[in-house]
Amino acid sequence: MGEKITLSLTILLTGFAVVFAVLLVLIGIIKAYGTAVYKIQNRHQMKKITRNADLPKAEREPEVETPVAEEIAEEDNDELIAVISAAVYSMYSPKNIRIKGIRKAPSRTNAWRNAGISDNVRPF
């Protein structure tokens, strides 16, 4: 009876050790893959940084900042308002309407659902 218990415990502990060892190996593989993908995606930016670091300050290429979504939205507000107003007017033209404000409607669906729908309704 005692030998069966020790054998069972040995098998149980060995199983736990193997499972956790494999999990740790998988975590390492996933982290290495993520690091490799990150380096590949940012290769161009890193080349520019190292190229600029070697040059004197006066000869360096100017760093280009990417525009923030809010800045773009502020620039296009007038055009966006005109387009939305025209669309509303074309829908309700016989009625007297007055647009008091425009704001983005909250998203009621999640991104995974939208991706699945667009993937499944794409033409062949």
N, C-alpha and C. Protein backbone atom coordinates (compact mmCIF):
# COMPACT_ATOMS: atom_id res chain seq x y z
N MET A 1 0.82 -1.19 0.00
CA MET A 1 0.00 0.00 0.00
C MET A 1 0.87 1.26 0.00
N GLY A 2 1.94 1.26 0.77
CA GLY A 2 2.83 2.41 0.85
C GLY A 2 3.58 2.65 -0.44
N GLU A 3 3.90 1.52 -1.13
CA GLU A 3 4.62 1.67 -2.39
C GLU A 3 3.73 2.29 -3.46
N LYS A 4 2.43 1.97 -3.45
CA LYS A 4 1.50 2.54 -4.43
C LYS A 4 1.37 4.06 -4.23
N ILE A 5 1.33 4.49 -2.99
CA ILE A 5 1.19 5.92 -2.69
C ILE A 5 2.44 6.68 -3.14
N THR A 6 3.63 6.13 -2.82
CA THR A 6 4.86 6.81 -3.23
C THR A 6 4.98 6.83 -4.76
N LEU A 7 4.60 5.74 -5.43
CA LEU A 7 4.63 5.70 -6.88
C LEU A 7 3.66 6.72 -7.48
N SER A 8 2.47 6.81 -6.89
CA SER A 8 1.46 7.78 -7.36
C SER A 8 1.95 9.20 -7.18
N LEU A 9 2.53 9.50 -6.02
CA LEU A 9 3.05 10.84 -5.76
C LEU A 9 4.22 11.16 -6.69
N THR A 10 5.07 10.19 -6.95
CA THR A 10 6.20 10.40 -7.86
C THR A 10 5.71 10.72 -9.26
N ILE A 11 4.71 9.98 -9.73
CA ILE A 11 4.15 10.22 -11.07
C ILE A 11 3.46 11.58 -11.11
N LEU A 12 2.74 11.93 -10.05
CA LEU A 12 2.04 13.21 -9.98
C LEU A 12 3.04 14.37 -10.02
N LEU A 13 4.08 14.31 -9.20
CA LEU A 13 5.07 15.38 -9.17
C LEU A 13 5.85 15.47 -10.47
N THR A 14 6.15 14.34 -11.08
CA THR A 14 6.83 14.34 -12.37
C THR A 14 5.95 14.99 -13.44
N GLY A 15 4.68 14.67 -13.42
CA GLY A 15 3.74 15.28 -14.38
C GLY A 15 3.67 16.78 -14.23
N PHE A 16 3.56 17.26 -12.95
CA PHE A 16 3.55 18.70 -12.70
C PHE A 16 4.84 19.35 -13.20
N ALA A 17 5.97 18.73 -12.92
CA ALA A 17 7.26 19.29 -13.33
C ALA A 17 7.36 19.38 -14.85
N VAL A 18 6.91 18.34 -15.55
CA VAL A 18 6.97 18.35 -17.02
C VAL A 18 6.06 19.44 -17.58
N VAL A 19 4.85 19.55 -17.06
CA VAL A 19 3.90 20.55 -17.55
C VAL A 19 4.45 21.96 -17.35
N PHE A 20 4.95 22.26 -16.15
CA PHE A 20 5.48 23.60 -15.89
C PHE A 20 6.74 23.87 -16.70
N ALA A 21 7.57 22.86 -16.91
CA ALA A 21 8.77 23.05 -17.73
C ALA A 21 8.38 23.39 -19.17
N VAL A 22 7.39 22.69 -19.71
CA VAL A 22 6.93 22.98 -21.07
C VAL A 22 6.31 24.36 -21.15
N LEU A 23 5.55 24.75 -20.12
CA LEU A 23 4.98 26.10 -20.10
C LEU A 23 6.07 27.16 -20.10
N LEU A 24 7.11 26.97 -19.32
CA LEU A 24 8.21 27.93 -19.29
C LEU A 24 8.92 28.00 -20.64
N VAL A 25 9.09 26.87 -21.30
CA VAL A 25 9.71 26.87 -22.63
C VAL A 25 8.82 27.62 -23.62
N LEU A 26 7.51 27.41 -23.56
CA LEU A 26 6.59 28.12 -24.45
C LEU A 26 6.61 29.62 -24.19
N ILE A 27 6.66 30.02 -22.93
CA ILE A 27 6.75 31.45 -22.60
C ILE A 27 8.02 32.04 -23.21
N GLY A 28 9.12 31.33 -23.10
CA GLY A 28 10.39 31.80 -23.69
C GLY A 28 10.30 31.93 -25.20
N ILE A 29 9.68 30.96 -25.86
CA ILE A 29 9.55 31.00 -27.31
C ILE A 29 8.67 32.18 -27.73
N ILE A 30 7.57 32.39 -27.03
CA ILE A 30 6.66 33.49 -27.38
C ILE A 30 7.34 34.83 -27.16
N LYS A 31 8.07 34.99 -26.06
CA LYS A 31 8.77 36.26 -25.82
C LYS A 31 9.85 36.50 -26.87
N ALA A 32 10.58 35.46 -27.26
CA ALA A 32 11.61 35.62 -28.29
C ALA A 32 10.98 35.99 -29.62
N TYR A 33 9.86 35.38 -29.96
CA TYR A 33 9.16 35.70 -31.20
C TYR A 33 8.68 37.15 -31.18
N GLY A 34 8.10 37.58 -30.06
CA GLY A 34 7.63 38.96 -29.94
C GLY A 34 8.77 39.96 -30.07
N THR A 35 9.91 39.66 -29.47
CA THR A 35 11.08 40.53 -29.57
C THR A 35 11.57 40.61 -31.01
N ALA A 36 11.61 39.47 -31.69
CA ALA A 36 12.07 39.44 -33.08
C ALA A 36 11.13 40.25 -33.97
N VAL A 37 9.84 40.10 -33.80
CA VAL A 37 8.87 40.85 -34.61
C VAL A 37 9.00 42.34 -34.33
N TYR A 38 9.16 42.72 -33.07
CA TYR A 38 9.30 44.13 -32.70
C TYR A 38 10.55 44.74 -33.36
N LYS A 39 11.66 43.99 -33.34
CA LYS A 39 12.89 44.49 -33.95
C LYS A 39 12.74 44.63 -35.47
N ILE A 40 12.07 43.68 -36.10
CA ILE A 40 11.88 43.75 -37.55
C ILE A 40 10.99 44.94 -37.91
N GLN A 41 9.94 45.17 -37.15
CA GLN A 41 9.03 46.28 -37.44
C GLN A 41 9.69 47.63 -37.23
N ASN A 42 10.61 47.74 -36.29
CA ASN A 42 11.24 49.02 -35.98
C ASN A 42 12.64 49.14 -36.55
N ARG A 43 12.99 48.30 -37.51
CA ARG A 43 14.33 48.31 -38.10
C ARG A 43 14.62 49.65 -38.76
N HIS A 44 13.67 50.18 -39.52
CA HIS A 44 13.87 51.44 -40.23
C HIS A 44 14.11 52.59 -39.25
N GLN A 45 13.34 52.62 -38.20
CA GLN A 45 13.47 53.67 -37.21
C GLN A 45 14.82 53.58 -36.49
N MET A 46 15.26 52.37 -36.21
CA MET A 46 16.55 52.19 -35.52
C MET A 46 17.71 52.60 -36.42
N LYS A 47 17.63 52.32 -37.75
CA LYS A 47 18.68 52.73 -38.67
C LYS A 47 18.80 54.24 -38.70
N LYS A 48 17.67 54.92 -38.69
CA LYS A 48 17.66 56.38 -38.73
C LYS A 48 18.27 56.96 -37.46
N ILE A 49 17.96 56.35 -36.32
CA ILE A 49 18.50 56.83 -35.05
C ILE A 49 20.02 56.64 -35.03
N THR A 50 20.50 55.48 -35.45
CA THR A 50 21.94 55.24 -35.42
C THR A 50 22.65 56.10 -36.46
N ARG A 51 22.03 56.35 -37.61
CA ARG A 51 22.63 57.19 -38.63
C ARG A 51 22.74 58.62 -38.12
N ASN A 52 21.72 59.11 -37.45
CA ASN A 52 21.74 60.47 -36.92
C ASN A 52 22.70 60.62 -35.75
N ALA A 53 22.91 59.57 -34.98
CA ALA A 53 23.77 59.66 -33.81
C ALA A 53 25.22 59.88 -34.20
N ASP A 54 25.63 59.38 -35.37
CA ASP A 54 27.02 59.53 -35.80
C ASP A 54 27.32 60.93 -36.33
N LEU A 55 26.31 61.64 -36.81
CA LEU A 55 26.52 62.96 -37.42
C LEU A 55 26.55 64.06 -36.38
N PRO A 56 27.22 65.18 -36.69
CA PRO A 56 27.13 66.33 -35.79
C PRO A 56 25.71 66.87 -35.74
N LYS A 57 25.39 67.62 -34.71
CA LYS A 57 24.03 68.06 -34.49
C LYS A 57 23.49 68.90 -35.65
N ALA A 58 24.32 69.71 -36.27
CA ALA A 58 23.86 70.57 -37.36
C ALA A 58 23.50 69.78 -38.62
N GLU A 59 24.11 68.61 -38.82
CA GLU A 59 23.89 67.84 -40.04
C GLU A 59 22.84 66.74 -39.88
N ARG A 60 22.30 66.58 -38.71
CA ARG A 60 21.32 65.51 -38.48
C ARG A 60 20.04 65.76 -39.23
N GLU A 61 19.38 64.65 -39.62
CA GLU A 61 18.08 64.76 -40.26
C GLU A 61 17.06 65.18 -39.22
N PRO A 62 16.12 66.03 -39.61
CA PRO A 62 15.10 66.41 -38.63
C PRO A 62 14.21 65.22 -38.29
N GLU A 63 13.89 65.12 -37.03
CA GLU A 63 13.01 64.02 -36.61
C GLU A 63 11.57 64.39 -36.94
N VAL A 64 10.90 63.49 -37.59
CA VAL A 64 9.53 63.73 -38.00
C VAL A 64 8.61 63.10 -36.97
N GLU A 65 7.73 63.91 -36.44
CA GLU A 65 6.77 63.40 -35.48
C GLU A 65 5.52 62.97 -36.22
N THR A 66 4.96 61.86 -35.82
CA THR A 66 3.72 61.41 -36.44
C THR A 66 2.57 62.22 -35.88
N PRO A 67 1.64 62.63 -36.74
CA PRO A 67 0.53 63.44 -36.26
C PRO A 67 -0.39 62.63 -35.35
N VAL A 68 -0.87 63.27 -34.34
CA VAL A 68 -1.78 62.64 -33.40
C VAL A 68 -3.19 62.70 -33.99
N ALA A 69 -4.00 61.72 -33.67
CA ALA A 69 -5.36 61.65 -34.22
C ALA A 69 -6.17 62.89 -33.88
N GLU A 70 -5.95 63.46 -32.71
CA GLU A 70 -6.71 64.65 -32.32
C GLU A 70 -6.36 65.83 -33.21
N GLU A 71 -5.08 65.97 -33.58
CA GLU A 71 -4.68 67.07 -34.45
C GLU A 71 -5.32 66.93 -35.82
N ILE A 72 -5.34 65.72 -36.34
CA ILE A 72 -5.95 65.49 -37.64
C ILE A 72 -7.44 65.78 -37.58
N ALA A 73 -8.08 65.36 -36.49
CA ALA A 73 -9.51 65.58 -36.35
C ALA A 73 -9.82 67.07 -36.30
N GLU A 74 -8.98 67.87 -35.65
CA GLU A 74 -9.23 69.30 -35.57
C GLU A 74 -9.10 69.96 -36.93
N GLU A 75 -8.17 69.49 -37.76
CA GLU A 75 -7.97 70.07 -39.08
C GLU A 75 -9.15 69.77 -40.00
N ASP A 76 -9.72 68.59 -39.91
CA ASP A 76 -10.76 68.16 -40.83
C ASP A 76 -12.16 68.39 -40.29
N ASN A 77 -12.30 69.09 -39.17
CA ASN A 77 -13.63 69.26 -38.57
C ASN A 77 -14.60 69.97 -39.50
N ASP A 78 -14.16 71.04 -40.17
CA ASP A 78 -15.07 71.79 -41.02
C ASP A 78 -15.58 70.94 -42.18
N GLU A 79 -14.68 70.20 -42.80
CA GLU A 79 -15.09 69.35 -43.91
C GLU A 79 -16.00 68.23 -43.42
N LEU A 80 -15.67 67.65 -42.28
CA LEU A 80 -16.47 66.58 -41.72
C LEU A 80 -17.87 67.06 -41.38
N ILE A 81 -17.97 68.22 -40.79
CA ILE A 81 -19.28 68.78 -40.43
C ILE A 81 -20.09 69.05 -41.70
N ALA A 82 -19.43 69.55 -42.73
CA ALA A 82 -20.15 69.82 -43.98
C ALA A 82 -20.68 68.53 -44.61
N VAL A 83 -19.88 67.48 -44.58
CA VAL A 83 -20.30 66.21 -45.17
C VAL A 83 -21.45 65.61 -44.38
N ILE A 84 -21.35 65.63 -43.05
CA ILE A 84 -22.42 65.06 -42.23
C ILE A 84 -23.70 65.88 -42.40
N SER A 85 -23.57 67.20 -42.45
CA SER A 85 -24.74 68.05 -42.64
C SER A 85 -25.42 67.77 -43.97
N ALA A 86 -24.62 67.60 -45.02
CA ALA A 86 -25.17 67.31 -46.33
C ALA A 86 -25.90 65.97 -46.34
N ALA A 87 -25.32 64.97 -45.65
CA ALA A 87 -25.95 63.66 -45.60
C ALA A 87 -27.28 63.72 -44.85
N VAL A 88 -27.30 64.43 -43.73
CA VAL A 88 -28.54 64.55 -42.96
C VAL A 88 -29.58 65.32 -43.76
N TYR A 89 -29.16 66.39 -44.41
CA TYR A 89 -30.08 67.19 -45.20
C TYR A 89 -30.68 66.39 -46.36
N SER A 90 -29.83 65.54 -46.99
CA SER A 90 -30.35 64.75 -48.11
C SER A 90 -31.35 63.70 -47.64
N MET A 91 -31.21 63.24 -46.42
CA MET A 91 -32.16 62.25 -45.90
C MET A 91 -33.47 62.90 -45.48
N TYR A 92 -33.39 64.09 -44.88
CA TYR A 92 -34.58 64.73 -44.32
C TYR A 92 -34.88 66.06 -45.02
N SER A 93 -34.68 66.15 -46.31
CA SER A 93 -34.78 67.43 -47.01
C SER A 93 -36.16 68.09 -46.93
N PRO A 94 -37.29 67.37 -46.99
CA PRO A 94 -38.56 68.09 -46.94
C PRO A 94 -38.86 68.69 -45.56
N LYS A 95 -38.22 68.20 -44.52
CA LYS A 95 -38.51 68.67 -43.17
C LYS A 95 -37.55 69.79 -42.80
N ASN A 96 -37.96 70.63 -41.88
CA ASN A 96 -37.07 71.66 -41.36
C ASN A 96 -36.20 71.01 -40.29
N ILE A 97 -34.91 71.00 -40.53
CA ILE A 97 -33.99 70.41 -39.56
C ILE A 97 -32.93 71.42 -39.18
N ARG A 98 -32.39 71.21 -38.00
CA ARG A 98 -31.30 72.06 -37.52
C ARG A 98 -30.32 71.15 -36.79
N ILE A 99 -29.09 71.14 -37.23
CA ILE A 99 -28.06 70.31 -36.60
C ILE A 99 -27.45 71.10 -35.46
N LYS A 100 -27.61 70.60 -34.24
CA LYS A 100 -27.11 71.31 -33.05
C LYS A 100 -25.71 70.86 -32.67
N GLY A 101 -25.37 69.64 -32.97
CA GLY A 101 -24.04 69.15 -32.61
C GLY A 101 -23.75 67.82 -33.28
N ILE A 102 -22.46 67.53 -33.39
CA ILE A 102 -22.04 66.27 -33.99
C ILE A 102 -21.04 65.63 -33.05
N ARG A 103 -21.26 64.38 -32.72
CA ARG A 103 -20.31 63.64 -31.88
C ARG A 103 -20.30 62.18 -32.32
N LYS A 104 -19.21 61.52 -32.03
CA LYS A 104 -19.05 60.13 -32.42
C LYS A 104 -19.95 59.24 -31.56
N ALA A 105 -20.67 58.35 -32.21
CA ALA A 105 -21.52 57.42 -31.48
C ALA A 105 -20.65 56.36 -30.81
N PRO A 106 -20.99 55.95 -29.60
CA PRO A 106 -20.19 54.91 -28.94
C PRO A 106 -20.30 53.59 -29.69
N SER A 107 -19.21 52.87 -29.73
CA SER A 107 -19.19 51.58 -30.43
C SER A 107 -19.98 50.56 -29.62
N ARG A 108 -20.92 49.92 -30.26
CA ARG A 108 -21.75 48.94 -29.56
C ARG A 108 -21.34 47.51 -29.85
N THR A 109 -20.37 47.34 -30.71
CA THR A 109 -19.91 46.00 -31.02
C THR A 109 -18.42 45.92 -30.72
N ASN A 110 -17.96 44.72 -30.50
CA ASN A 110 -16.54 44.60 -30.21
C ASN A 110 -15.76 44.33 -31.48
N ALA A 111 -14.47 44.59 -31.44
CA ALA A 111 -13.63 44.53 -32.63
C ALA A 111 -13.53 43.11 -33.19
N TRP A 112 -13.53 42.10 -32.33
CA TRP A 112 -13.43 40.72 -32.82
C TRP A 112 -14.67 40.34 -33.62
N ARG A 113 -15.82 40.82 -33.18
CA ARG A 113 -17.06 40.54 -33.91
C ARG A 113 -17.01 41.19 -35.28
N ASN A 114 -16.58 42.45 -35.33
CA ASN A 114 -16.50 43.16 -36.60
C ASN A 114 -15.51 42.48 -37.55
N ALA A 115 -14.39 42.01 -37.01
CA ALA A 115 -13.40 41.33 -37.85
C ALA A 115 -13.98 40.03 -38.40
N GLY A 116 -14.71 39.29 -37.59
CA GLY A 116 -15.32 38.05 -38.05
C GLY A 116 -16.36 38.29 -39.12
N ILE A 117 -17.16 39.32 -38.92
CA ILE A 117 -18.18 39.63 -39.92
C ILE A 117 -17.53 40.04 -41.23
N SER A 118 -16.53 40.92 -41.17
CA SER A 118 -15.90 41.37 -42.42
C SER A 118 -15.17 40.22 -43.10
N ASP A 119 -14.64 39.29 -42.33
CA ASP A 119 -13.95 38.14 -42.92
C ASP A 119 -14.93 37.19 -43.59
N ASN A 120 -16.10 37.02 -43.00
CA ASN A 120 -17.07 36.06 -43.53
C ASN A 120 -17.92 36.61 -44.66
N VAL A 121 -18.05 37.92 -44.79
CA VAL A 121 -18.86 38.48 -45.86
C VAL A 121 -18.03 39.01 -47.01
N ARG A 122 -16.75 38.83 -46.95
CA ARG A 122 -15.88 39.25 -48.04
C ARG A 122 -16.17 38.39 -49.27
N PRO A 123 -16.25 39.02 -50.45
CA PRO A 123 -16.53 38.22 -51.65
C PRO A 123 -15.38 37.26 -51.97
N PHE A 124 -15.72 36.19 -52.65
CA PHE A 124 -14.74 35.16 -52.94
C PHE A 124 -13.74 35.59 -53.94
